[in-house]
C-alpha atoms as a PDB file:
ATOM      1  CA  UNK A   1       0.043  -0.233   0.122  1.00  0.00           C
ATOM      2  CA  UNK A   2       1.399   3.483  -1.022  1.00  0.00           C
ATOM      3  CA  UNK A   3       1.978   5.745   1.761  1.00  0.00           C
ATOM      4  CA  UNK A   4       0.381   9.198   1.205  1.00  0.00           C
ATOM      5  CA  UNK A   5       2.761  11.816   1.662  1.00  0.00           C
ATOM      6  CA  UNK A   6       1.770  15.728   1.880  1.00  0.00           C
ATOM      7  CA  UNK A   7       2.900  17.740  -1.077  1.00  0.00           C
ATOM      8  CA  UNK A   8       4.493  20.437   0.879  1.00  0.00           C
ATOM      9  CA  UNK A   9       6.541  17.763   2.411  1.00  0.00           C
ATOM     10  CA  UNK A  10       7.434  15.776  -1.012  1.00  0.00           C
ATOM     11  CA  UNK A  11       8.989  19.220  -2.274  1.00  0.00           C
ATOM     12  CA  UNK A  12      10.980  19.604   0.769  1.00  0.00           C
ATOM     13  CA  UNK A  13      12.247  16.305   0.147  1.00  0.00           C
ATOM     14  CA  UNK A  14      12.797  16.667  -3.441  1.00  0.00           C
ATOM     15  CA  UNK A  15      14.972  19.753  -2.808  1.00  0.00           C
ATOM     16  CA  UNK A  16      16.877  18.374   0.304  1.00  0.00           C
ATOM     17  CA  UNK A  17      17.357  14.620  -0.595  1.00  0.00           C
ATOM     18  CA  UNK A  18      17.866  15.136  -4.455  1.00  0.00           C
ATOM     19  CA  UNK A  19      19.306  18.555  -4.822  1.00  0.00           C
ATOM     20  CA  UNK A  20      21.364  19.646  -1.529  1.00  0.00           C
ATOM     21  CA  UNK A  21      22.348  16.132  -0.744  1.00  0.00           C
ATOM     22  CA  UNK A  22      22.453  14.601  -4.377  1.00  0.00           C
ATOM     23  CA  UNK A  23      20.897  11.229  -3.586  1.00  0.00           C
ATOM     24  CA  UNK A  24      19.638  10.192  -6.700  1.00  0.00           C
ATOM     25  CA  UNK A  25      19.149   7.050  -5.462  1.00  0.00           C
ATOM     26  CA  UNK A  26      15.638   8.471  -3.673  1.00  0.00           C
ATOM     27  CA  UNK A  27      14.352  10.242  -6.937  1.00  0.00           C
ATOM     28  CA  UNK A  28      11.986   7.103  -7.824  1.00  0.00           C
ATOM     29  CA  UNK A  29      10.290   7.728  -4.292  1.00  0.00           C
ATOM     30  CA  UNK A  30       9.986  11.269  -5.307  1.00  0.00           C
ATOM     31  CA  UNK A  31       9.284  11.721  -8.774  1.00  0.00           C
ATOM     32  CA  UNK A  32       7.430   9.800 -11.566  1.00  0.00           C
ATOM     33  CA  UNK A  33       9.426   7.693 -14.328  1.00  0.00           C
ATOM     34  CA  UNK A  34       8.871  10.505 -17.199  1.00  0.00           C
ATOM     35  CA  UNK A  35       8.446  13.860 -16.293  1.00  0.00           C
ATOM     36  CA  UNK A  36       7.706  17.300 -18.051  1.00  0.00           C
ATOM     37  CA  UNK A  37       9.818  19.869 -17.590  1.00  0.00           C
ATOM     38  CA  UNK A  38       9.710  23.700 -18.426  1.00  0.00           C
ATOM     39  CA  UNK A  39      12.653  26.319 -17.968  1.00  0.00           C
ATOM     40  CA  UNK A  40      13.367  29.418 -20.038  1.00  0.00           C
ATOM     41  CA  UNK A  41      15.693  27.589 -22.289  1.00  0.00           C
ATOM     42  CA  UNK A  42      12.885  25.194 -23.290  1.00  0.00           C
ATOM     43  CA  UNK A  43      10.238  22.676 -22.102  1.00  0.00           C
ATOM     44  CA  UNK A  44      10.209  18.901 -22.994  1.00  0.00           C
ATOM     45  CA  UNK A  45       9.997  15.206 -21.763  1.00  0.00           C
ATOM     46  CA  UNK A  46      12.378  13.915 -19.308  1.00  0.00           C
ATOM     47  CA  UNK A  47      13.084  10.348 -18.130  1.00  0.00           C
ATOM     48  CA  UNK A  48      13.801  10.141 -14.584  1.00  0.00           C
ATOM     49  CA  UNK A  49      17.467   8.526 -15.517  1.00  0.00           C
ATOM     50  CA  UNK A  50      18.030  11.406 -17.570  1.00  0.00           C
ATOM     51  CA  UNK A  51      17.114  14.048 -14.622  1.00  0.00           C
ATOM     52  CA  UNK A  52      19.583  11.909 -12.305  1.00  0.00           C
ATOM     53  CA  UNK A  53      22.368  12.431 -14.983  1.00  0.00           C
ATOM     54  CA  UNK A  54      21.278  16.194 -14.823  1.00  0.00           C
ATOM     55  CA  UNK A  55      21.577  16.423 -11.105  1.00  0.00           C
ATOM     56  CA  UNK A  56      24.787  14.516 -10.998  1.00  0.00           C
ATOM     57  CA  UNK A  57      26.396  16.956 -13.304  1.00  0.00           C
ATOM     58  CA  UNK A  58      25.234  19.758 -10.974  1.00  0.00           C
ATOM     59  CA  UNK A  59      26.417  17.987  -8.084  1.00  0.00           C
ATOM     60  CA  UNK A  60      29.648  17.032  -9.755  1.00  0.00           C
ATOM     61  CA  UNK A  61      30.360  21.087 -10.657  1.00  0.00           C
ATOM     62  CA  UNK A  62      29.143  22.267  -7.055  1.00  0.00           C
ATOM     63  CA  UNK A  63      29.589  19.573  -4.498  1.00  0.00           C
ATOM     64  CA  UNK A  64      28.348  21.540  -1.812  1.00  0.00           C
ATOM     65  CA  UNK A  65      25.439  22.849  -3.611  1.00  0.00           C
ATOM     66  CA  UNK A  66      22.220  23.605  -1.205  1.00  0.00           C
ATOM     67  CA  UNK A  67      18.841  24.381  -2.377  1.00  0.00           C
ATOM     68  CA  UNK A  68      17.407  26.390   0.712  1.00  0.00           C
ATOM     69  CA  UNK A  69      13.466  27.048   0.127  1.00  0.00           C
ATOM     70  CA  UNK A  70      12.300  30.072   1.920  1.00  0.00           C
ATOM     71  CA  UNK A  71       8.502  29.630   0.653  1.00  0.00           C
ATOM     72  CA  UNK A  72       6.053  27.114  -0.434  1.00  0.00           C
ATOM     73  CA  UNK A  73       2.471  27.570  -1.633  1.00  0.00           C
ATOM     74  CA  UNK A  74       0.250  24.705  -2.287  1.00  0.00           C
ATOM     75  CA  UNK A  75      -2.767  24.571  -4.514  1.00  0.00           C
ATOM     76  CA  UNK A  76      -4.459  21.575  -5.222  1.00  0.00           C
ATOM     77  CA  UNK A  77      -1.728  19.341  -6.958  1.00  0.00           C
ATOM     78  CA  UNK A  78       0.790  21.865  -7.691  1.00  0.00           C
ATOM     79  CA  UNK A  79       3.247  23.578  -5.236  1.00  0.00           C
ATOM     80  CA  UNK A  80       5.035  26.706  -6.001  1.00  0.00           C
ATOM     81  CA  UNK A  81       8.479  27.212  -4.003  1.00  0.00           C
ATOM     82  CA  UNK A  82      11.303  29.568  -4.110  1.00  0.00           C
ATOM     83  CA  UNK A  83      14.537  30.250  -2.256  1.00  0.00           C
ATOM     84  CA  UNK A  84      18.460  30.348  -2.641  1.00  0.00           C
ATOM     85  CA  UNK A  85      20.789  28.310  -4.229  1.00  0.00           C
ATOM     86  CA  UNK A  86      24.613  28.283  -3.148  1.00  0.00           C
ATOM     87  CA  UNK A  87      27.518  26.099  -3.914  1.00  0.00           C
ATOM     88  CA  UNK A  88      31.273  26.320  -4.894  1.00  0.00           C
ATOM     89  CA  UNK A  89      32.101  25.888  -8.304  1.00  0.00           C
ATOM     90  CA  UNK A  90      34.708  22.676  -8.097  1.00  0.00           C
ATOM     91  CA  UNK A  91      34.036  20.727 -11.248  1.00  0.00           C
ATOM     92  CA  UNK A  92      33.571  21.619 -15.085  1.00  0.00           C
ATOM     93  CA  UNK A  93      30.337  23.352 -15.842  1.00  0.00           C
ATOM     94  CA  UNK A  94      28.905  24.621 -19.009  1.00  0.00           C
ATOM     95  CA  UNK A  95      32.217  24.337 -20.296  1.00  0.00           C
ATOM     96  CA  UNK A  96      33.628  26.494 -17.790  1.00  0.00           C
ATOM     97  CA  UNK A  97      36.608  24.872 -15.982  1.00  0.00           C
ATOM     98  CA  UNK A  98      36.317  25.137 -12.001  1.00  0.00           C
ATOM     99  CA  UNK A  99      37.100  28.595 -10.402  1.00  0.00           C
ATOM    100  CA  UNK A 100      36.728  28.043  -6.660  1.00  0.00           C
ATOM    101  CA  UNK A 101      34.318  30.397  -6.626  1.00  0.00           C
ATOM    102  CA  UNK A 102      31.033  30.692  -4.706  1.00  0.00           C
ATOM    103  CA  UNK A 103      27.454  31.059  -5.952  1.00  0.00           C
ATOM    104  CA  UNK A 104      24.194  32.648  -4.291  1.00  0.00           C
ATOM    105  CA  UNK A 105      21.511  32.826  -6.557  1.00  0.00           C
ATOM    106  CA  UNK A 106      17.559  33.077  -6.265  1.00  0.00           C
ATOM    107  CA  UNK A 107      15.045  30.833  -8.149  1.00  0.00           C
ATOM    108  CA  UNK A 108      11.500  29.829  -8.067  1.00  0.00           C
ATOM    109  CA  UNK A 109      10.128  26.479  -9.101  1.00  0.00           C
ATOM    110  CA  UNK A 110       6.681  24.962  -9.138  1.00  0.00           C
ATOM    111  CA  UNK A 111       5.754  21.183  -9.508  1.00  0.00           C
ATOM    112  CA  UNK A 112       2.438  19.318 -10.499  1.00  0.00           C
ATOM    113  CA  UNK A 113       2.058  15.869  -8.618  1.00  0.00           C
ATOM    114  CA  UNK A 114       0.167  12.952  -9.958  1.00  0.00           C
ATOM    115  CA  UNK A 115      -0.052   9.782  -7.687  1.00  0.00           C
ATOM    116  CA  UNK A 116       1.921  11.347  -4.751  1.00  0.00           C
ATOM    117  CA  UNK A 117       5.114  12.061  -7.098  1.00  0.00           C
ATOM    118  CA  UNK A 118       6.474  14.877  -9.241  1.00  0.00           C
ATOM    119  CA  UNK A 119       5.487  14.395 -12.739  1.00  0.00           C
ATOM    120  CA  UNK A 120       6.134  18.156 -13.803  1.00  0.00           C
ATOM    121  CA  UNK A 121       8.599  20.763 -13.087  1.00  0.00           C
ATOM    122  CA  UNK A 122       8.865  24.571 -14.239  1.00  0.00           C
ATOM    123  CA  UNK A 123      11.891  26.281 -12.938  1.00  0.00           C
ATOM    124  CA  UNK A 124      13.624  29.568 -13.289  1.00  0.00           C
ATOM    125  CA  UNK A 125      16.727  30.464 -11.648  1.00  0.00           C
ATOM    126  CA  UNK A 126      19.369  33.432 -12.028  1.00  0.00           C
ATOM    127  CA  UNK A 127      21.561  31.672 -14.169  1.00  0.00           C
ATOM    128  CA  UNK A 128      23.023  35.172 -15.655  1.00  0.00           C
ATOM    129  CA  UNK A 129      23.808  35.915 -12.072  1.00  0.00           C
ATOM    130  CA  UNK A 130      25.450  32.789 -11.532  1.00  0.00           C
ATOM    131  CA  UNK A 131      27.421  32.725 -14.337  1.00  0.00           C
ATOM    132  CA  UNK A 132      28.568  36.478 -13.481  1.00  0.00           C
ATOM    133  CA  UNK A 133      29.678  35.129 -10.154  1.00  0.00           C
ATOM    134  CA  UNK A 134      31.860  32.725 -11.857  1.00  0.00           C
ATOM    135  CA  UNK A 135      33.608  35.517 -13.407  1.00  0.00           C
ATOM    136  CA  UNK A 136      31.426  35.086 -17.128  1.00  0.00           C
ATOM    137  CA  UNK A 137      30.066  38.109 -18.664  1.00  0.00           C
ATOM    138  CA  UNK A 138      27.929  36.444 -21.142  1.00  0.00           C
ATOM    139  CA  UNK A 139      26.636  39.853 -22.104  1.00  0.00           C
ATOM    140  CA  UNK A 140      29.929  41.511 -22.644  1.00  0.00           C
ATOM    141  CA  UNK A 141      29.643  45.323 -22.295  1.00  0.00           C
ATOM    142  CA  UNK A 142      26.307  47.046 -23.386  1.00  0.00           C
END
């Protein structure tokens, strides 16, 4: 028999276990095998194993990565949450060799639950600010 977990508690597990601890083995308990994702770069379908690889790449680049949620709002099968992501750049990331620099960015996410697991994800984080903190000026001088 499946154990019912409250939506906000599931999101807390998602941010703490998957993102902050990098526990990809916990992902099947938290996320469906196939998800739909949405972010400023695009949207699409993603298998759990692909998302696990994505998480692992972030954790390889920022081994001390933390996603600290400051607020959550739940409505039906959706939870919106926002907070701060911090970490130290210690591995290759987006073609950038390790800098040893700290990142500290804000972001907002939302998820849709299906059968007690995350089935759809939306995310928008300050990637421009993160790149600038890593010493990259993607916009050059305007």
